[in-house]
Amino acid sequence: MAPMGGYLPYVDFTEFAMALGVFLSALVSLVGTSARKRTIAIGEARLSDLAEMTGILQPKQVMAVFGPPDMGRTWPSVTLLDVRRARGPLGWLMSSDLVDYGCMLAAAVALFVNFKIMPLFLISALAIQVAGWVVSARVPK
């Protein structure tokens, strides 16, 4: 089976560009998730932090799960364990370290292993990253 690009100038460039895009996207997602986890851990969780970590996109549902915020519009009593319990599928897609590490692994393996199914792993990782960014655009600010 031929590489994904098909034509000579683009044979390896297409796979490399996709793998680099997936790797950088997952890295940025990991940095953002780390910042949100830190904010929650120190007791300064905002609506956008909780919405992105749990996947709950409606502010009223966030308030139903975690209670009302304090006067500074933060939830100081929310812990990372509370967030993990309330996490839904969209939360896993947007802010899961395991998903991001898996996408980074798929991108790296697709670059170095020449097997017929590797482009499928690379395209799947790309689709997961794009879906995560599309969903995170809907997070309330």
N, C-alpha and C. Protein backbone atom coordinates (compact mmCIF):
# COMPACT_ATOMS: atom_id res chain seq x y z
N MET A 1 0.84 -1.18 0.00
CA MET A 1 0.00 0.00 0.00
C MET A 1 0.89 1.24 0.00
N ALA A 2 0.52 2.19 -0.80
CA ALA A 2 1.32 3.41 -0.94
C ALA A 2 1.08 4.32 0.25
N PRO A 3 2.04 5.21 0.53
CA PRO A 3 1.83 6.19 1.61
C PRO A 3 0.64 7.08 1.30
N MET A 4 0.22 7.84 2.29
CA MET A 4 -1.03 8.58 2.19
C MET A 4 -1.04 9.65 1.11
N GLY A 5 0.09 10.29 0.84
CA GLY A 5 0.11 11.39 -0.12
C GLY A 5 -0.15 10.94 -1.54
N GLY A 6 0.43 9.82 -1.92
CA GLY A 6 0.19 9.27 -3.25
C GLY A 6 1.15 9.77 -4.30
N TYR A 7 1.34 11.07 -4.42
CA TYR A 7 2.21 11.62 -5.44
C TYR A 7 3.57 11.95 -4.84
N LEU A 8 4.59 11.86 -5.65
CA LEU A 8 5.96 11.92 -5.16
C LEU A 8 6.31 13.12 -4.28
N PRO A 9 5.98 14.35 -4.63
CA PRO A 9 6.41 15.43 -3.74
C PRO A 9 5.72 15.39 -2.37
N TYR A 10 4.57 14.72 -2.29
CA TYR A 10 3.77 14.77 -1.07
C TYR A 10 3.73 13.44 -0.33
N VAL A 11 4.51 12.48 -0.72
CA VAL A 11 4.42 11.14 -0.13
C VAL A 11 4.61 11.17 1.38
N ASP A 12 5.72 11.68 1.86
CA ASP A 12 5.98 11.70 3.28
C ASP A 12 5.53 12.99 3.96
N PHE A 13 5.39 14.05 3.17
CA PHE A 13 5.02 15.34 3.74
C PHE A 13 3.63 15.31 4.37
N THR A 14 2.68 14.65 3.73
CA THR A 14 1.31 14.60 4.24
C THR A 14 1.26 13.91 5.60
N GLU A 15 1.88 12.77 5.70
CA GLU A 15 1.88 12.05 6.97
C GLU A 15 2.62 12.84 8.05
N PHE A 16 3.73 13.44 7.69
CA PHE A 16 4.49 14.21 8.67
C PHE A 16 3.69 15.43 9.14
N ALA A 17 3.05 16.12 8.22
CA ALA A 17 2.27 17.30 8.59
C ALA A 17 1.10 16.93 9.49
N MET A 18 0.42 15.83 9.18
CA MET A 18 -0.69 15.39 10.03
C MET A 18 -0.18 14.99 11.42
N ALA A 19 0.91 14.24 11.46
CA ALA A 19 1.45 13.80 12.75
C ALA A 19 1.92 14.99 13.58
N LEU A 20 2.56 15.96 12.94
CA LEU A 20 3.00 17.15 13.66
C LEU A 20 1.81 17.94 14.18
N GLY A 21 0.78 18.07 13.36
CA GLY A 21 -0.44 18.77 13.80
C GLY A 21 -1.10 18.09 14.99
N VAL A 22 -1.20 16.77 14.94
CA VAL A 22 -1.80 16.02 16.04
C VAL A 22 -0.94 16.17 17.30
N PHE A 23 0.35 16.04 17.14
CA PHE A 23 1.26 16.12 18.29
C PHE A 23 1.19 17.50 18.96
N LEU A 24 1.24 18.56 18.16
CA LEU A 24 1.19 19.92 18.72
C LEU A 24 -0.18 20.22 19.33
N SER A 25 -1.24 19.77 18.69
CA SER A 25 -2.58 19.97 19.22
C SER A 25 -2.75 19.28 20.57
N ALA A 26 -2.26 18.06 20.67
CA ALA A 26 -2.36 17.33 21.94
C ALA A 26 -1.49 17.99 23.00
N LEU A 27 -0.34 18.50 22.62
CA LEU A 27 0.53 19.18 23.58
C LEU A 27 -0.13 20.45 24.12
N VAL A 28 -0.74 21.24 23.26
CA VAL A 28 -1.45 22.44 23.69
C VAL A 28 -2.62 22.07 24.59
N SER A 29 -3.32 21.01 24.24
CA SER A 29 -4.44 20.55 25.07
C SER A 29 -3.95 20.11 26.46
N LEU A 30 -2.82 19.43 26.51
CA LEU A 30 -2.26 19.01 27.80
C LEU A 30 -1.88 20.20 28.66
N VAL A 31 -1.30 21.22 28.06
CA VAL A 31 -0.92 22.42 28.81
C VAL A 31 -2.17 23.12 29.36
N GLY A 32 -3.20 23.24 28.53
CA GLY A 32 -4.44 23.86 28.98
C GLY A 32 -5.13 23.06 30.07
N THR A 33 -5.14 21.75 29.94
CA THR A 33 -5.75 20.90 30.96
C THR A 33 -4.98 21.01 32.27
N SER A 34 -3.67 21.07 32.19
CA SER A 34 -2.85 21.22 33.39
C SER A 34 -3.16 22.54 34.10
N ALA A 35 -3.33 23.60 33.34
CA ALA A 35 -3.66 24.90 33.94
C ALA A 35 -5.04 24.86 34.60
N ARG A 36 -6.00 24.21 33.95
CA ARG A 36 -7.33 24.09 34.54
C ARG A 36 -7.31 23.24 35.81
N LYS A 37 -6.55 22.15 35.79
CA LYS A 37 -6.44 21.31 36.99
C LYS A 37 -5.82 22.08 38.14
N ARG A 38 -4.82 22.89 37.86
CA ARG A 38 -4.19 23.69 38.89
C ARG A 38 -5.18 24.70 39.45
N THR A 39 -5.96 25.35 38.59
CA THR A 39 -6.94 26.33 39.04
C THR A 39 -7.98 25.68 39.95
N ILE A 40 -8.42 24.48 39.59
CA ILE A 40 -9.40 23.78 40.42
C ILE A 40 -8.76 23.35 41.74
N ALA A 41 -7.53 22.88 41.68
CA ALA A 41 -6.85 22.39 42.89
C ALA A 41 -6.62 23.50 43.91
N ILE A 42 -6.38 24.71 43.47
CA ILE A 42 -6.15 25.80 44.43
C ILE A 42 -7.45 26.49 44.83
N GLY A 43 -8.59 26.00 44.35
CA GLY A 43 -9.88 26.52 44.79
C GLY A 43 -10.37 27.75 44.05
N GLU A 44 -9.92 27.95 42.84
CA GLU A 44 -10.35 29.11 42.05
C GLU A 44 -11.03 28.68 40.75
N ALA A 45 -11.79 27.60 40.81
CA ALA A 45 -12.44 27.07 39.61
C ALA A 45 -13.52 28.03 39.11
N ARG A 46 -13.44 28.38 37.85
CA ARG A 46 -14.43 29.23 37.21
C ARG A 46 -15.38 28.37 36.38
N LEU A 47 -16.43 28.98 35.87
CA LEU A 47 -17.41 28.26 35.06
C LEU A 47 -16.77 27.62 33.84
N SER A 48 -15.90 28.35 33.17
CA SER A 48 -15.26 27.80 31.97
C SER A 48 -14.37 26.61 32.30
N ASP A 49 -13.69 26.66 33.44
CA ASP A 49 -12.84 25.54 33.86
C ASP A 49 -13.67 24.29 34.10
N LEU A 50 -14.75 24.44 34.87
CA LEU A 50 -15.60 23.29 35.18
C LEU A 50 -16.30 22.76 33.95
N ALA A 51 -16.74 23.66 33.08
CA ALA A 51 -17.43 23.23 31.86
C ALA A 51 -16.50 22.44 30.95
N GLU A 52 -15.28 22.90 30.80
CA GLU A 52 -14.35 22.20 29.92
C GLU A 52 -13.86 20.89 30.52
N MET A 53 -13.67 20.85 31.82
CA MET A 53 -13.18 19.62 32.45
C MET A 53 -14.25 18.54 32.53
N THR A 54 -15.52 18.95 32.66
CA THR A 54 -16.59 17.96 32.80
C THR A 54 -17.33 17.69 31.51
N GLY A 55 -17.32 18.63 30.58
CA GLY A 55 -18.09 18.47 29.35
C GLY A 55 -19.51 18.95 29.49
N ILE A 56 -19.85 19.56 30.61
CA ILE A 56 -21.19 20.13 30.81
C ILE A 56 -21.16 21.54 30.23
N LEU A 57 -21.92 21.76 29.16
CA LEU A 57 -21.81 23.01 28.43
C LEU A 57 -22.84 24.05 28.82
N GLN A 58 -23.84 23.68 29.62
CA GLN A 58 -24.87 24.62 30.04
C GLN A 58 -24.55 25.15 31.44
N PRO A 59 -24.48 26.48 31.62
CA PRO A 59 -24.16 27.03 32.94
C PRO A 59 -25.12 26.58 34.04
N LYS A 60 -26.40 26.44 33.72
CA LYS A 60 -27.37 26.02 34.73
C LYS A 60 -27.10 24.58 35.17
N GLN A 61 -26.66 23.73 34.25
CA GLN A 61 -26.34 22.36 34.63
C GLN A 61 -25.07 22.30 35.48
N VAL A 62 -24.11 23.17 35.20
CA VAL A 62 -22.90 23.23 36.03
C VAL A 62 -23.29 23.63 37.45
N MET A 63 -24.19 24.60 37.57
CA MET A 63 -24.64 25.02 38.90
C MET A 63 -25.45 23.92 39.59
N ALA A 64 -26.19 23.14 38.82
CA ALA A 64 -26.96 22.04 39.40
C ALA A 64 -26.03 20.94 39.94
N VAL A 65 -24.91 20.72 39.27
CA VAL A 65 -23.99 19.67 39.68
C VAL A 65 -23.11 20.13 40.84
N PHE A 66 -22.57 21.34 40.76
CA PHE A 66 -21.58 21.81 41.74
C PHE A 66 -22.13 22.83 42.73
N GLY A 67 -23.37 23.23 42.59
CA GLY A 67 -23.94 24.23 43.48
C GLY A 67 -23.63 25.63 42.98
N PRO A 68 -24.16 26.63 43.68
CA PRO A 68 -23.92 28.00 43.23
C PRO A 68 -22.48 28.44 43.52
N PRO A 69 -21.97 29.37 42.71
CA PRO A 69 -20.62 29.89 42.97
C PRO A 69 -20.63 30.87 44.14
N ASP A 70 -19.46 31.22 44.62
CA ASP A 70 -19.39 32.22 45.68
C ASP A 70 -19.45 33.63 45.05
N MET A 71 -19.20 34.64 45.84
CA MET A 71 -19.32 36.02 45.36
C MET A 71 -18.32 36.37 44.26
N GLY A 72 -17.20 35.67 44.21
CA GLY A 72 -16.20 35.93 43.19
C GLY A 72 -16.41 35.11 41.92
N ARG A 73 -17.58 34.50 41.80
CA ARG A 73 -17.94 33.64 40.65
C ARG A 73 -16.99 32.46 40.49
N THR A 74 -16.53 31.93 41.61
CA THR A 74 -15.69 30.74 41.59
C THR A 74 -16.32 29.68 42.49
N TRP A 75 -15.85 28.46 42.34
CA TRP A 75 -16.31 27.33 43.14
C TRP A 75 -15.12 26.84 43.98
N PRO A 76 -14.90 27.42 45.16
CA PRO A 76 -13.72 27.02 45.95
C PRO A 76 -13.83 25.63 46.58
N SER A 77 -15.04 25.11 46.72
CA SER A 77 -15.21 23.81 47.38
C SER A 77 -15.11 22.63 46.41
N VAL A 78 -15.01 22.90 45.12
CA VAL A 78 -14.94 21.82 44.13
C VAL A 78 -13.52 21.26 44.07
N THR A 79 -13.42 19.94 44.11
CA THR A 79 -12.12 19.27 44.02
C THR A 79 -12.00 18.56 42.68
N LEU A 80 -10.79 18.10 42.39
CA LEU A 80 -10.57 17.35 41.16
C LEU A 80 -11.36 16.04 41.15
N LEU A 81 -11.57 15.46 42.32
CA LEU A 81 -12.37 14.23 42.41
C LEU A 81 -13.83 14.51 42.05
N ASP A 82 -14.36 15.65 42.50
CA ASP A 82 -15.72 16.03 42.12
C ASP A 82 -15.84 16.21 40.61
N VAL A 83 -14.82 16.82 40.02
CA VAL A 83 -14.82 17.03 38.57
C VAL A 83 -14.74 15.69 37.85
N ARG A 84 -13.92 14.78 38.34
CA ARG A 84 -13.79 13.47 37.71
C ARG A 84 -15.11 12.70 37.77
N ARG A 85 -15.83 12.81 38.89
CA ARG A 85 -17.12 12.13 39.02
C ARG A 85 -18.17 12.70 38.06
N ALA A 86 -18.10 14.00 37.80
CA ALA A 86 -19.10 14.65 36.94
C ALA A 86 -18.71 14.64 35.47
N ARG A 87 -17.56 14.12 35.13
CA ARG A 87 -17.06 14.18 33.75
C ARG A 87 -17.89 13.29 32.84
N GLY A 88 -18.26 13.86 31.70
CA GLY A 88 -19.00 13.14 30.69
C GLY A 88 -18.14 12.89 29.46
N PRO A 89 -18.73 12.34 28.41
CA PRO A 89 -17.95 12.05 27.19
C PRO A 89 -17.30 13.28 26.58
N LEU A 90 -17.99 14.41 26.60
CA LEU A 90 -17.38 15.62 26.04
C LEU A 90 -16.21 16.10 26.89
N GLY A 91 -16.29 15.88 28.19
CA GLY A 91 -15.17 16.23 29.06
C GLY A 91 -13.95 15.39 28.77
N TRP A 92 -14.18 14.10 28.52
CA TRP A 92 -13.05 13.23 28.14
C TRP A 92 -12.44 13.70 26.83
N LEU A 93 -13.28 14.10 25.89
CA LEU A 93 -12.79 14.53 24.58
C LEU A 93 -11.98 15.82 24.68
N MET A 94 -12.44 16.76 25.53
CA MET A 94 -11.79 18.06 25.60
C MET A 94 -10.57 18.08 26.51
N SER A 95 -10.62 17.36 27.62
CA SER A 95 -9.58 17.59 28.63
C SER A 95 -9.10 16.32 29.32
N SER A 96 -8.96 15.25 28.59
CA SER A 96 -8.43 14.04 29.18
C SER A 96 -6.97 13.87 28.80
N ASP A 97 -6.13 13.70 29.81
CA ASP A 97 -4.72 13.47 29.55
C ASP A 97 -4.51 12.15 28.80
N LEU A 98 -5.29 11.15 29.14
CA LEU A 98 -5.14 9.84 28.47
C LEU A 98 -5.43 9.93 26.98
N VAL A 99 -6.46 10.66 26.62
CA VAL A 99 -6.81 10.81 25.20
C VAL A 99 -5.69 11.56 24.47
N ASP A 100 -5.18 12.61 25.09
CA ASP A 100 -4.10 13.38 24.46
C ASP A 100 -2.82 12.57 24.34
N TYR A 101 -2.48 11.83 25.39
CA TYR A 101 -1.29 10.97 25.30
C TYR A 101 -1.47 9.89 24.24
N GLY A 102 -2.67 9.34 24.14
CA GLY A 102 -2.95 8.33 23.11
C GLY A 102 -2.80 8.90 21.70
N CYS A 103 -3.28 10.12 21.50
CA CYS A 103 -3.14 10.77 20.19
C CYS A 103 -1.67 11.05 19.87
N MET A 104 -0.91 11.48 20.88
CA MET A 104 0.52 11.71 20.65
C MET A 104 1.23 10.40 20.31
N LEU A 105 0.87 9.33 20.99
CA LEU A 105 1.46 8.02 20.71
C LEU A 105 1.10 7.55 19.31
N ALA A 106 -0.15 7.73 18.91
CA ALA A 106 -0.57 7.32 17.57
C ALA A 106 0.18 8.11 16.50
N ALA A 107 0.39 9.40 16.73
CA ALA A 107 1.13 10.22 15.76
C ALA A 107 2.58 9.77 15.66
N ALA A 108 3.21 9.49 16.80
CA ALA A 108 4.61 9.06 16.78
C ALA A 108 4.76 7.69 16.13
N VAL A 109 3.88 6.77 16.46
CA VAL A 109 3.97 5.42 15.89
C VAL A 109 3.70 5.45 14.39
N ALA A 110 2.75 6.29 13.96
CA ALA A 110 2.44 6.38 12.54
C ALA A 110 3.62 6.91 11.73
N LEU A 111 4.46 7.73 12.35
CA LEU A 111 5.64 8.24 11.65
C LEU A 111 6.73 7.19 11.49
N PHE A 112 6.89 6.36 12.50
CA PHE A 112 8.05 5.47 12.52
C PHE A 112 7.75 4.03 12.14
N VAL A 113 6.49 3.65 12.08
CA VAL A 113 6.13 2.28 11.73
C VAL A 113 5.40 2.30 10.39
N ASN A 114 5.88 1.53 9.46
CA ASN A 114 5.27 1.47 8.15
C ASN A 114 4.41 0.21 8.06
N PHE A 115 3.14 0.38 8.37
CA PHE A 115 2.19 -0.72 8.35
C PHE A 115 0.91 -0.20 7.72
N LYS A 116 0.14 -1.07 7.10
CA LYS A 116 -1.02 -0.63 6.33
C LYS A 116 -2.06 0.12 7.15
N ILE A 117 -2.20 -0.19 8.42
CA ILE A 117 -3.26 0.40 9.23
C ILE A 117 -2.81 1.69 9.93
N MET A 118 -1.55 2.04 9.87
CA MET A 118 -1.05 3.23 10.56
C MET A 118 -1.71 4.53 10.09
N PRO A 119 -1.95 4.73 8.80
CA PRO A 119 -2.67 5.96 8.42
C PRO A 119 -4.05 6.07 9.06
N LEU A 120 -4.70 4.95 9.30
CA LEU A 120 -6.00 4.98 9.97
C LEU A 120 -5.86 5.48 11.40
N PHE A 121 -4.81 5.04 12.11
CA PHE A 121 -4.57 5.54 13.46
C PHE A 121 -4.29 7.04 13.45
N LEU A 122 -3.52 7.47 12.47
CA LEU A 122 -3.18 8.89 12.38
C LEU A 122 -4.42 9.73 12.09
N ILE A 123 -5.25 9.28 11.16
CA ILE A 123 -6.47 10.01 10.84
C ILE A 123 -7.43 10.00 12.03
N SER A 124 -7.50 8.89 12.75
CA SER A 124 -8.35 8.82 13.95
C SER A 124 -7.88 9.80 15.01
N ALA A 125 -6.59 9.86 15.23
CA ALA A 125 -6.04 10.81 16.21
C ALA A 125 -6.31 12.25 15.78
N LEU A 126 -6.19 12.52 14.50
CA LEU A 126 -6.49 13.85 13.99
C LEU A 126 -7.97 14.19 14.20
N ALA A 127 -8.85 13.25 13.92
CA ALA A 127 -10.29 13.47 14.10
C ALA A 127 -10.63 13.72 15.56
N ILE A 128 -9.99 12.98 16.46
CA ILE A 128 -10.24 13.18 17.89
C ILE A 128 -9.79 14.57 18.33
N GLN A 129 -8.63 14.99 17.89
CA GLN A 129 -8.14 16.32 18.26
C GLN A 129 -9.03 17.43 17.69
N VAL A 130 -9.43 17.30 16.43
CA VAL A 130 -10.30 18.31 15.82
C VAL A 130 -11.64 18.34 16.54
N ALA A 131 -12.19 17.19 16.86
CA ALA A 131 -13.47 17.14 17.58
C ALA A 131 -13.35 17.79 18.95
N GLY A 132 -12.24 17.56 19.63
CA GLY A 132 -12.02 18.20 20.93
C GLY A 132 -11.98 19.72 20.83
N TRP A 133 -11.33 20.23 19.81
CA TRP A 133 -11.26 21.69 19.65
C TRP A 133 -12.60 22.26 19.23
N VAL A 134 -13.35 21.56 18.40
CA VAL A 134 -14.67 22.04 17.99
C VAL A 134 -15.61 22.10 19.19
N VAL A 135 -15.60 21.05 20.00
CA VAL A 135 -16.46 21.04 21.19
C VAL A 135 -16.03 22.10 22.19
N SER A 136 -14.73 22.30 22.36
CA SER A 136 -14.26 23.30 23.33
C SER A 136 -14.61 24.72 22.91
N ALA A 137 -14.91 24.93 21.64
CA ALA A 137 -15.35 26.26 21.21
C ALA A 137 -16.73 26.58 21.74
N ARG A 138 -17.51 25.58 22.13
CA ARG A 138 -18.85 25.77 22.66
C ARG A 138 -18.88 25.98 24.17
N VAL A 139 -17.73 25.94 24.83
CA VAL A 139 -17.67 26.09 26.28
C VAL A 139 -18.06 27.53 26.65
N PRO A 140 -18.94 27.70 27.66
CA PRO A 140 -19.30 29.06 28.09
C PRO A 140 -18.10 29.79 28.68
N LYS A 141 -18.02 31.03 28.38
CA LYS A 141 -16.87 31.83 28.87
C LYS A 141 -17.17 32.43 30.18
